[in-house]
Amino acid sequence: LAKGLKLVALTKGVDPTDSLVFREGDSLKSLPPFSKIATSSERRE
């Protein structure tokens, strides 16, 4: 953290998982080959 700052609380939070969102009617199985998935995270990719 920046010098002079401190974490004073970390909330319990909500669901920590990642989700892959599709258009209505689509699914991971139904997407054709070479469909484009958007993410800026190597881990999520």
All heavy atoms as atom14 arrays in JSON, in Angstrom:
{
  "sequence": "LAKGLKLVALTKGVDPTDSLVFREGDSLKSLPPFSKIATSSERRE",
  "atom14_mask": [
    [1, 1, 1, 1, 1, 1, 1, 1, 0, 0, 0, 0, 0, 0],
    [1, 1, 1, 1, 1, 0, 0, 0, 0, 0, 0, 0, 0, 0],
    [1, 1, 1, 1, 1, 1, 1, 1, 1, 0, 0, 0, 0, 0],
    [1, 1, 1, 1, 0, 0, 0, 0, 0, 0, 0, 0, 0, 0],
    [1, 1, 1, 1, 1, 1, 1, 1, 0, 0, 0, 0, 0, 0],
    [1, 1, 1, 1, 1, 1, 1, 1, 1, 0, 0, 0, 0, 0],
    [1, 1, 1, 1, 1, 1, 1, 1, 0, 0, 0, 0, 0, 0],
    [1, 1, 1, 1, 1, 1, 1, 0, 0, 0, 0, 0, 0, 0],
    [1, 1, 1, 1, 1, 0, 0, 0, 0, 0, 0, 0, 0, 0],
    [1, 1, 1, 1, 1, 1, 1, 1, 0, 0, 0, 0, 0, 0],
    [1, 1, 1, 1, 1, 1, 1, 0, 0, 0, 0, 0, 0, 0],
    [1, 1, 1, 1, 1, 1, 1, 1, 1, 0, 0, 0, 0, 0],
    [1, 1, 1, 1, 0, 0, 0, 0, 0, 0, 0, 0, 0, 0],
    [1, 1, 1, 1, 1, 1, 1, 0, 0, 0, 0, 0, 0, 0],
    [1, 1, 1, 1, 1, 1, 1, 1, 0, 0, 0, 0, 0, 0],
    [1, 1, 1, 1, 1, 1, 1, 0, 0, 0, 0, 0, 0, 0],
    [1, 1, 1, 1, 1, 1, 1, 0, 0, 0, 0, 0, 0, 0],
    [1, 1, 1, 1, 1, 1, 1, 1, 0, 0, 0, 0, 0, 0],
    [1, 1, 1, 1, 1, 1, 0, 0, 0, 0, 0, 0, 0, 0],
    [1, 1, 1, 1, 1, 1, 1, 1, 0, 0, 0, 0, 0, 0],
    [1, 1, 1, 1, 1, 1, 1, 0, 0, 0, 0, 0, 0, 0],
    [1, 1, 1, 1, 1, 1, 1, 1, 1, 1, 1, 0, 0, 0],
    [1, 1, 1, 1, 1, 1, 1, 1, 1, 1, 1, 0, 0, 0],
    [1, 1, 1, 1, 1, 1, 1, 1, 1, 0, 0, 0, 0, 0],
    [1, 1, 1, 1, 0, 0, 0, 0, 0, 0, 0, 0, 0, 0],
    [1, 1, 1, 1, 1, 1, 1, 1, 0, 0, 0, 0, 0, 0],
    [1, 1, 1, 1, 1, 1, 0, 0, 0, 0, 0, 0, 0, 0],
    [1, 1, 1, 1, 1, 1, 1, 1, 0, 0, 0, 0, 0, 0],
    [1, 1, 1, 1, 1, 1, 1, 1, 1, 0, 0, 0, 0, 0],
    [1, 1, 1, 1, 1, 1, 0, 0, 0, 0, 0, 0, 0, 0],
    [1, 1, 1, 1, 1, 1, 1, 1, 0, 0, 0, 0, 0, 0],
    [1, 1, 1, 1, 1, 1, 1, 0, 0, 0, 0, 0, 0, 0],
    [1, 1, 1, 1, 1, 1, 1, 0, 0, 0, 0, 0, 0, 0],
    [1, 1, 1, 1, 1, 1, 1, 1, 1, 1, 1, 0, 0, 0],
    [1, 1, 1, 1, 1, 1, 0, 0, 0, 0, 0, 0, 0, 0],
    [1, 1, 1, 1, 1, 1, 1, 1, 1, 0, 0, 0, 0, 0],
    [1, 1, 1, 1, 1, 1, 1, 1, 0, 0, 0, 0, 0, 0],
    [1, 1, 1, 1, 1, 0, 0, 0, 0, 0, 0, 0, 0, 0],
    [1, 1, 1, 1, 1, 1, 1, 0, 0, 0, 0, 0, 0, 0],
    [1, 1, 1, 1, 1, 1, 0, 0, 0, 0, 0, 0, 0, 0],
    [1, 1, 1, 1, 1, 1, 0, 0, 0, 0, 0, 0, 0, 0],
    [1, 1, 1, 1, 1, 1, 1, 1, 1, 0, 0, 0, 0, 0],
    [1, 1, 1, 1, 1, 1, 1, 1, 1, 1, 1, 0, 0, 0],
    [1, 1, 1, 1, 1, 1, 1, 1, 1, 1, 1, 0, 0, 0],
    [1, 1, 1, 1, 1, 1, 1, 1, 1, 0, 0, 0, 0, 0]
  ],
  "atom14_positions": [
    [[0.83, -1.18, 0.0], [0.0, 0.0, 0.0], [0.88, 1.25, 0.0], [2.05, 1.2, 0.42], [-0.9, 0.02, 1.24], [-1.93, -1.11, 1.38], [-2.66, -0.96, 2.71], [-2.91, -1.1, 0.23], [0.0, 0.0, 0.0], [0.0, 0.0, 0.0], [0.0, 0.0, 0.0], [0.0, 0.0, 0.0], [0.0, 0.0, 0.0], [0.0, 0.0, 0.0]],
    [[0.32, 2.36, -0.46], [1.07, 3.61, -0.46], [1.51, 3.95, 0.96], [0.77, 3.73, 1.93], [0.21, 4.74, -1.03], [0.0, 0.0, 0.0], [0.0, 0.0, 0.0], [0.0, 0.0, 0.0], [0.0, 0.0, 0.0], [0.0, 0.0, 0.0], [0.0, 0.0, 0.0], [0.0, 0.0, 0.0], [0.0, 0.0, 0.0], [0.0, 0.0, 0.0]],
    [[2.72, 4.48, 1.09], [3.25, 4.83, 2.4], [2.34, 5.84, 3.08], [1.94, 6.84, 2.48], [4.66, 5.42, 2.26], [5.35, 5.67, 3.58], [6.77, 6.15, 3.38], [7.46, 6.4, 4.71], [8.86, 6.89, 4.51], [0.0, 0.0, 0.0], [0.0, 0.0, 0.0], [0.0, 0.0, 0.0], [0.0, 0.0, 0.0], [0.0, 0.0, 0.0]],
    [[1.99, 5.56, 4.31], [1.11, 6.44, 5.06], [-0.32, 5.97, 5.11], [-1.14, 6.55, 5.82], [0.0, 0.0, 0.0], [0.0, 0.0, 0.0], [0.0, 0.0, 0.0], [0.0, 0.0, 0.0], [0.0, 0.0, 0.0], [0.0, 0.0, 0.0], [0.0, 0.0, 0.0], [0.0, 0.0, 0.0], [0.0, 0.0, 0.0], [0.0, 0.0, 0.0]],
    [[-0.64, 4.89, 4.37], [-2.0, 4.35, 4.34], [-2.04, 2.96, 4.96], [-1.03, 2.24, 4.96], [-2.54, 4.29, 2.92], [-2.66, 5.63, 2.18], [-3.21, 5.39, 0.77], [-3.54, 6.61, 2.95], [0.0, 0.0, 0.0], [0.0, 0.0, 0.0], [0.0, 0.0, 0.0], [0.0, 0.0, 0.0], [0.0, 0.0, 0.0], [0.0, 0.0, 0.0]],
    [[-3.21, 2.58, 5.46], [-3.36, 1.29, 6.13], [-4.73, 0.72, 5.84], [-5.72, 1.45, 5.76], [-3.2, 1.49, 7.64], [-3.37, 0.22, 8.47], [-3.21, 0.5, 9.95], [-3.38, -0.77, 10.79], [-3.18, -0.51, 12.23], [0.0, 0.0, 0.0], [0.0, 0.0, 0.0], [0.0, 0.0, 0.0], [0.0, 0.0, 0.0], [0.0, 0.0, 0.0]],
    [[-4.79, -0.59, 5.66], [-6.07, -1.28, 5.56], [-6.67, -1.38, 6.96], [-6.08, -1.97, 7.85], [-5.88, -2.67, 4.97], [-7.16, -3.49, 4.86], [-7.92, -3.14, 3.59], [-6.87, -4.98, 4.88], [0.0, 0.0, 0.0], [0.0, 0.0, 0.0], [0.0, 0.0, 0.0], [0.0, 0.0, 0.0], [0.0, 0.0, 0.0], [0.0, 0.0, 0.0]],
    [[-7.89, -0.82, 7.13], [-8.51, -0.89, 8.45], [-9.65, -1.9, 8.5], [-10.08, -2.29, 9.59], [-9.02, 0.5, 8.91], [-7.85, 1.44, 9.11], [-10.03, 1.08, 7.94], [0.0, 0.0, 0.0], [0.0, 0.0, 0.0], [0.0, 0.0, 0.0], [0.0, 0.0, 0.0], [0.0, 0.0, 0.0], [0.0, 0.0, 0.0], [0.0, 0.0, 0.0]],
    [[-10.13, -2.34, 7.33], [-11.15, -3.38, 7.33], [-11.19, -4.06, 5.98], [-10.97, -3.44, 4.93], [-12.53, -2.81, 7.67], [0.0, 0.0, 0.0], [0.0, 0.0, 0.0], [0.0, 0.0, 0.0], [0.0, 0.0, 0.0], [0.0, 0.0, 0.0], [0.0, 0.0, 0.0], [0.0, 0.0, 0.0], [0.0, 0.0, 0.0], [0.0, 0.0, 0.0]],
    [[-11.48, -5.35, 6.03], [-11.68, -6.16, 4.84], [-13.04, -6.84, 5.02], [-13.22, -7.63, 5.94], [-10.57, -7.2, 4.73], [-10.55, -8.12, 3.51], [-10.23, -7.32, 2.25], [-9.54, -9.23, 3.7], [0.0, 0.0, 0.0], [0.0, 0.0, 0.0], [0.0, 0.0, 0.0], [0.0, 0.0, 0.0], [0.0, 0.0, 0.0], [0.0, 0.0, 0.0]],
    [[-14.01, -6.5, 4.17], [-15.36, -7.03, 4.37], [-15.41, -8.53, 4.07], [-14.55, -9.07, 3.39], [-16.38, -6.31, 3.48], [-16.17, -6.68, 2.11], [-16.29, -4.8, 3.64], [0.0, 0.0, 0.0], [0.0, 0.0, 0.0], [0.0, 0.0, 0.0], [0.0, 0.0, 0.0], [0.0, 0.0, 0.0], [0.0, 0.0, 0.0], [0.0, 0.0, 0.0]],
    [[-16.47, -9.16, 4.56], [-16.63, -10.59, 4.29], [-16.9, -10.84, 2.82], [-16.6, -11.9, 2.29], [-17.76, -11.17, 5.15], [-19.14, -10.62, 4.86], [-20.17, -11.25, 5.79], [-21.59, -10.77, 5.49], [-21.76, -9.32, 5.69], [0.0, 0.0, 0.0], [0.0, 0.0, 0.0], [0.0, 0.0, 0.0], [0.0, 0.0, 0.0], [0.0, 0.0, 0.0]],
    [[-17.49, -9.84, 2.13], [-17.67, -9.91, 0.69], [-18.81, -10.8, 0.25], [-19.61, -11.29, 1.05], [0.0, 0.0, 0.0], [0.0, 0.0, 0.0], [0.0, 0.0, 0.0], [0.0, 0.0, 0.0], [0.0, 0.0, 0.0], [0.0, 0.0, 0.0], [0.0, 0.0, 0.0], [0.0, 0.0, 0.0], [0.0, 0.0, 0.0], [0.0, 0.0, 0.0]],
    [[-18.86, -11.01, -1.06], [-19.88, -11.87, -1.66], [-19.17, -12.91, -2.54], [-17.95, -12.97, -2.56], [-20.89, -11.04, -2.49], [-21.67, -10.1, -1.58], [-20.21, -10.24, -3.6], [0.0, 0.0, 0.0], [0.0, 0.0, 0.0], [0.0, 0.0, 0.0], [0.0, 0.0, 0.0], [0.0, 0.0, 0.0], [0.0, 0.0, 0.0], [0.0, 0.0, 0.0]],
    [[-19.94, -13.69, -3.26], [-19.45, -14.81, -4.07], [-18.14, -14.47, -4.8], [-18.1, -13.56, -5.62], [-20.54, -15.17, -5.09], [-20.28, -16.51, -5.77], [-19.11, -16.89, -5.94], [-21.26, -17.16, -6.16], [0.0, 0.0, 0.0], [0.0, 0.0, 0.0], [0.0, 0.0, 0.0], [0.0, 0.0, 0.0], [0.0, 0.0, 0.0], [0.0, 0.0, 0.0]],
    [[-17.05, -15.19, -4.53], [-15.76, -14.86, -5.13], [-15.49, -15.51, -6.49], [-14.4, -15.34, -7.04], [-14.76, -15.39, -4.09], [-15.46, -16.61, -3.54], [-16.93, -16.25, -3.5], [0.0, 0.0, 0.0], [0.0, 0.0, 0.0], [0.0, 0.0, 0.0], [0.0, 0.0, 0.0], [0.0, 0.0, 0.0], [0.0, 0.0, 0.0], [0.0, 0.0, 0.0]],
    [[-16.45, -16.24, -7.03], [-16.19, -16.99, -8.25], [-16.2, -16.09, -9.48], [-16.61, -14.93, -9.45], [-17.22, -18.12, -8.44], [-18.53, -17.54, -8.46], [-17.13, -19.13, -7.31], [0.0, 0.0, 0.0], [0.0, 0.0, 0.0], [0.0, 0.0, 0.0], [0.0, 0.0, 0.0], [0.0, 0.0, 0.0], [0.0, 0.0, 0.0], [0.0, 0.0, 0.0]],
    [[-15.73, -16.64, -10.59], [-15.79, -15.99, -11.9], [-16.9, -16.61, -12.72], [-17.15, -17.82, -12.63], [-14.47, -16.17, -12.66], [-13.34, -15.36, -12.05], [-13.48, -14.14, -11.95], [-12.31, -15.96, -11.68], [0.0, 0.0, 0.0], [0.0, 0.0, 0.0], [0.0, 0.0, 0.0], [0.0, 0.0, 0.0], [0.0, 0.0, 0.0], [0.0, 0.0, 0.0]],
    [[-17.56, -15.79, -13.54], [-18.62, -16.29, -14.41], [-18.34, -15.94, -15.86], [-17.79, -14.88, -16.15], [-19.98, -15.7, -14.0], [-20.42, -16.25, -12.78], [0.0, 0.0, 0.0], [0.0, 0.0, 0.0], [0.0, 0.0, 0.0], [0.0, 0.0, 0.0], [0.0, 0.0, 0.0], [0.0, 0.0, 0.0], [0.0, 0.0, 0.0], [0.0, 0.0, 0.0]],
    [[-18.7, -16.85, -16.74], [-18.62, -16.62, -18.18], [-20.03, -16.3, -18.66], [-20.93, -17.13, -18.57], [-18.07, -17.86, -18.89], [-17.97, -17.81, -20.41], [-17.17, -16.6, -20.89], [-17.34, -19.11, -20.94], [0.0, 0.0, 0.0], [0.0, 0.0, 0.0], [0.0, 0.0, 0.0], [0.0, 0.0, 0.0], [0.0, 0.0, 0.0], [0.0, 0.0, 0.0]],
    [[-20.22, -15.07, -19.14], [-21.54, -14.58, -19.53], [-21.72, -14.74, -21.04], [-20.82, -14.4, -21.82], [-21.73, -13.11, -19.13], [-23.14, -12.63, -19.46], [-21.44, -12.93, -17.63], [0.0, 0.0, 0.0], [0.0, 0.0, 0.0], [0.0, 0.0, 0.0], [0.0, 0.0, 0.0], [0.0, 0.0, 0.0], [0.0, 0.0, 0.0], [0.0, 0.0, 0.0]],
    [[-22.89, -15.26, -21.44], [-23.23, -15.46, -22.85], [-24.46, -14.63, -23.21], [-25.2, -14.16, -22.33], [-23.58, -16.94, -23.12], [-22.55, -17.92, -22.66], [-22.72, -18.62, -21.47], [-21.42, -18.17, -23.42], [-21.79, -19.55, -21.05], [-20.48, -19.1, -23.0], [-20.67, -19.79, -21.81], [0.0, 0.0, 0.0], [0.0, 0.0, 0.0], [0.0, 0.0, 0.0]],
    [[-24.71, -14.52, -24.51], [-26.01, -14.01, -24.94], [-27.08, -15.06, -24.65], [-26.78, -16.25, -24.54], [-25.97, -13.67, -26.44], [-25.13, -12.44, -26.77], [-25.18, -12.11, -28.25], [-24.5, -13.12, -29.05], [-23.19, -13.11, -29.33], [-22.42, -12.13, -28.86], [-22.64, -14.06, -30.06], [0.0, 0.0, 0.0], [0.0, 0.0, 0.0], [0.0, 0.0, 0.0]],
    [[-28.31, -14.63, -24.55], [-29.41, -15.53, -24.26], [-29.48, -16.64, -25.32], [-29.4, -16.38, -26.52], [-30.74, -14.77, -24.22], [-31.87, -15.54, -23.58], [-31.6, -15.87, -22.12], [-31.0, -15.04, -21.41], [-32.01, -16.97, -21.7], [0.0, 0.0, 0.0], [0.0, 0.0, 0.0], [0.0, 0.0, 0.0], [0.0, 0.0, 0.0], [0.0, 0.0, 0.0]],
    [[-29.59, -17.89, -24.88], [-29.68, -19.02, -25.78], [-28.35, -19.69, -26.07], [-28.32, -20.82, -26.56], [0.0, 0.0, 0.0], [0.0, 0.0, 0.0], [0.0, 0.0, 0.0], [0.0, 0.0, 0.0], [0.0, 0.0, 0.0], [0.0, 0.0, 0.0], [0.0, 0.0, 0.0], [0.0, 0.0, 0.0], [0.0, 0.0, 0.0], [0.0, 0.0, 0.0]],
    [[-27.25, -19.02, -25.77], [-25.92, -19.6, -26.0], [-25.45, -20.35, -24.76], [-25.95, -20.16, -23.65], [-24.9, -18.51, -26.35], [-25.07, -17.95, -27.75], [-25.77, -18.6, -28.56], [-24.53, -16.87, -28.03], [0.0, 0.0, 0.0], [0.0, 0.0, 0.0], [0.0, 0.0, 0.0], [0.0, 0.0, 0.0], [0.0, 0.0, 0.0], [0.0, 0.0, 0.0]],
    [[-24.46, -21.19, -24.97], [-23.81, -21.89, -23.87], [-22.39, -22.19, -24.31], [-22.06, -22.06, -25.5], [-24.53, -23.2, -23.52], [-24.42, -24.13, -24.59], [0.0, 0.0, 0.0], [0.0, 0.0, 0.0], [0.0, 0.0, 0.0], [0.0, 0.0, 0.0], [0.0, 0.0, 0.0], [0.0, 0.0, 0.0], [0.0, 0.0, 0.0], [0.0, 0.0, 0.0]],
    [[-21.57, -22.63, -23.39], [-20.19, -22.97, -23.75], [-20.17, -24.08, -24.79], [-19.37, -24.07, -25.72], [-19.41, -23.38, -22.5], [-17.91, -23.64, -22.71], [-17.2, -22.37, -23.16], [-17.28, -24.17, -21.42], [0.0, 0.0, 0.0], [0.0, 0.0, 0.0], [0.0, 0.0, 0.0], [0.0, 0.0, 0.0], [0.0, 0.0, 0.0], [0.0, 0.0, 0.0]],
    [[-21.09, -25.03, -24.64], [-21.14, -26.16, -25.57], [-21.63, -25.73, -26.95], [-21.16, -26.26, -27.97], [-22.06, -27.25, -25.01], [-22.11, -28.52, -25.83], [-22.96, -29.57, -25.17], [-23.02, -30.86, -25.99], [-23.84, -31.9, -25.32], [0.0, 0.0, 0.0], [0.0, 0.0, 0.0], [0.0, 0.0, 0.0], [0.0, 0.0, 0.0], [0.0, 0.0, 0.0]],
    [[-22.53, -24.77, -27.02], [-23.13, -24.4, -28.3], [-22.3, -23.43, -29.13], [-22.54, -23.26, -30.32], [-24.52, -23.79, -28.08], [-24.43, -22.5, -27.5], [0.0, 0.0, 0.0], [0.0, 0.0, 0.0], [0.0, 0.0, 0.0], [0.0, 0.0, 0.0], [0.0, 0.0, 0.0], [0.0, 0.0, 0.0], [0.0, 0.0, 0.0], [0.0, 0.0, 0.0]],
    [[-21.33, -22.76, -28.5], [-20.54, -21.8, -29.27], [-19.76, -22.51, -30.37], [-19.15, -23.56, -30.14], [-19.55, -21.08, -28.35], [-20.13, -20.1, -27.31], [-18.99, -19.47, -26.51], [-20.97, -19.03, -27.97], [0.0, 0.0, 0.0], [0.0, 0.0, 0.0], [0.0, 0.0, 0.0], [0.0, 0.0, 0.0], [0.0, 0.0, 0.0], [0.0, 0.0, 0.0]],
    [[-19.73, -21.95, -31.57], [-18.96, -22.57, -32.65], [-17.47, -22.44, -32.4], [-17.04, -21.61, -31.59], [-19.38, -21.77, -33.89], [-19.89, -20.48, -33.38], [-20.48, -20.77, -32.03], [0.0, 0.0, 0.0], [0.0, 0.0, 0.0], [0.0, 0.0, 0.0], [0.0, 0.0, 0.0], [0.0, 0.0, 0.0], [0.0, 0.0, 0.0], [0.0, 0.0, 0.0]],
    [[-16.65, -23.27, -33.06], [-15.2, -23.16, -32.9], [-14.72, -21.75, -33.21], [-15.28, -21.06, -34.05], [-14.65, -24.17, -33.92], [-15.76, -25.16, -34.09], [-17.03, -24.37, -33.97], [0.0, 0.0, 0.0], [0.0, 0.0, 0.0], [0.0, 0.0, 0.0], [0.0, 0.0, 0.0], [0.0, 0.0, 0.0], [0.0, 0.0, 0.0], [0.0, 0.0, 0.0]],
    [[-13.69, -21.32, -32.52], [-13.03, -20.03, -32.71], [-13.92, -18.85, -32.3], [-13.69, -17.71, -32.72], [-12.55, -19.86, -34.16], [-11.76, -21.03, -34.67], [-12.23, -21.82, -35.7], [-10.55, -21.38, -34.06], [-11.52, -22.92, -36.15], [-9.83, -22.48, -34.5], [-10.32, -23.26, -35.54], [0.0, 0.0, 0.0], [0.0, 0.0, 0.0], [0.0, 0.0, 0.0]],
    [[-14.92, -19.12, -31.5], [-15.69, -18.01, -30.92], [-14.77, -17.19, -30.01], [-13.81, -17.7, -29.44], [-16.87, -18.55, -30.11], [-17.81, -19.17, -30.97], [0.0, 0.0, 0.0], [0.0, 0.0, 0.0], [0.0, 0.0, 0.0], [0.0, 0.0, 0.0], [0.0, 0.0, 0.0], [0.0, 0.0, 0.0], [0.0, 0.0, 0.0], [0.0, 0.0, 0.0]],
    [[-15.1, -15.91, -29.87], [-14.25, -14.99, -29.12], [-14.75, -14.84, -27.68], [-15.91, -14.52, -27.45], [-14.22, -13.62, -29.79], [-13.5, -13.59, -31.13], [-13.49, -12.18, -31.69], [-12.76, -12.13, -33.04], [-12.76, -10.76, -33.59], [0.0, 0.0, 0.0], [0.0, 0.0, 0.0], [0.0, 0.0, 0.0], [0.0, 0.0, 0.0], [0.0, 0.0, 0.0]],
    [[-13.83, -15.05, -26.75], [-14.11, -14.86, -25.33], [-13.27, -13.68, -24.85], [-12.06, -13.63, -25.07], [-13.77, -16.11, -24.5], [-14.52, -17.33, -25.06], [-14.08, -15.88, -23.04], [-16.02, -17.21, -25.01], [0.0, 0.0, 0.0], [0.0, 0.0, 0.0], [0.0, 0.0, 0.0], [0.0, 0.0, 0.0], [0.0, 0.0, 0.0], [0.0, 0.0, 0.0]],
    [[-13.9, -12.74, -24.19], [-13.22, -11.52, -23.74], [-12.82, -11.62, -22.27], [-13.65, -11.92, -21.41], [-14.12, -10.31, -23.95], [0.0, 0.0, 0.0], [0.0, 0.0, 0.0], [0.0, 0.0, 0.0], [0.0, 0.0, 0.0], [0.0, 0.0, 0.0], [0.0, 0.0, 0.0], [0.0, 0.0, 0.0], [0.0, 0.0, 0.0], [0.0, 0.0, 0.0]],
    [[-11.56, -11.4, -22.01], [-11.04, -11.32, -20.64], [-9.66, -10.68, -20.7], [-8.92, -10.89, -21.66], [-10.94, -12.69, -19.97], [-10.33, -12.53, -18.68], [-10.14, -13.68, -20.78], [0.0, 0.0, 0.0], [0.0, 0.0, 0.0], [0.0, 0.0, 0.0], [0.0, 0.0, 0.0], [0.0, 0.0, 0.0], [0.0, 0.0, 0.0], [0.0, 0.0, 0.0]],
    [[-9.32, -9.9, -19.69], [-7.99, -9.31, -19.61], [-7.12, -10.03, -18.58], [-6.11, -9.49, -18.14], [-8.09, -7.82, -19.27], [-8.66, -7.1, -20.33], [0.0, 0.0, 0.0], [0.0, 0.0, 0.0], [0.0, 0.0, 0.0], [0.0, 0.0, 0.0], [0.0, 0.0, 0.0], [0.0, 0.0, 0.0], [0.0, 0.0, 0.0], [0.0, 0.0, 0.0]],
    [[-7.53, -11.22, -18.21], [-6.82, -11.99, -17.18], [-6.31, -13.3, -17.76], [-7.08, -14.1, -18.29], [-7.77, -12.27, -16.01], [-7.27, -13.3, -15.19], [0.0, 0.0, 0.0], [0.0, 0.0, 0.0], [0.0, 0.0, 0.0], [0.0, 0.0, 0.0], [0.0, 0.0, 0.0], [0.0, 0.0, 0.0], [0.0, 0.0, 0.0], [0.0, 0.0, 0.0]],
    [[-5.01, -13.54, -17.63], [-4.43, -14.81, -18.07], [-5.02, -15.97, -17.26], [-5.27, -17.05, -17.8], [-2.91, -14.78, -17.91], [-2.22, -13.86, -18.9], [-0.71, -13.89, -18.77], [-0.22, -14.55, -17.82], [-0.03, -13.28, -19.6], [0.0, 0.0, 0.0], [0.0, 0.0, 0.0], [0.0, 0.0, 0.0], [0.0, 0.0, 0.0], [0.0, 0.0, 0.0]],
    [[-5.23, -15.74, -15.97], [-5.8, -16.79, -15.12], [-7.19, -17.18, -15.59], [-7.51, -18.37, -15.72], [-5.85, -16.29, -13.66], [-6.53, -17.25, -12.69], [-6.7, -16.61, -11.33], [-7.45, -15.37, -11.41], [-8.77, -15.29, -11.5], [-9.49, -16.4, -11.54], [-9.37, -14.13, -11.55], [0.0, 0.0, 0.0], [0.0, 0.0, 0.0], [0.0, 0.0, 0.0]],
    [[-8.03, -16.18, -15.89], [-9.38, -16.48, -16.36], [-9.35, -17.14, -17.73], [-10.15, -18.04, -18.01], [-10.21, -15.19, -16.39], [-10.59, -14.67, -15.02], [-11.22, -13.31, -15.09], [-11.83, -12.92, -13.83], [-12.35, -11.72, -13.59], [-12.32, -10.8, -14.53], [-12.9, -11.45, -12.42], [0.0, 0.0, 0.0], [0.0, 0.0, 0.0], [0.0, 0.0, 0.0]],
    [[-8.45, -16.71, -18.58], [-8.33, -17.34, -19.89], [-8.01, -18.82, -19.75], [-8.61, -19.67, -20.44], [-7.25, -16.65, -20.72], [-7.03, -17.3, -22.08], [-5.98, -16.6, -22.92], [-5.87, -15.37, -22.82], [-5.27, -17.29, -23.68], [0.0, 0.0, 0.0], [0.0, 0.0, 0.0], [0.0, 0.0, 0.0], [0.0, 0.0, 0.0], [0.0, 0.0, 0.0]]
  ]
}
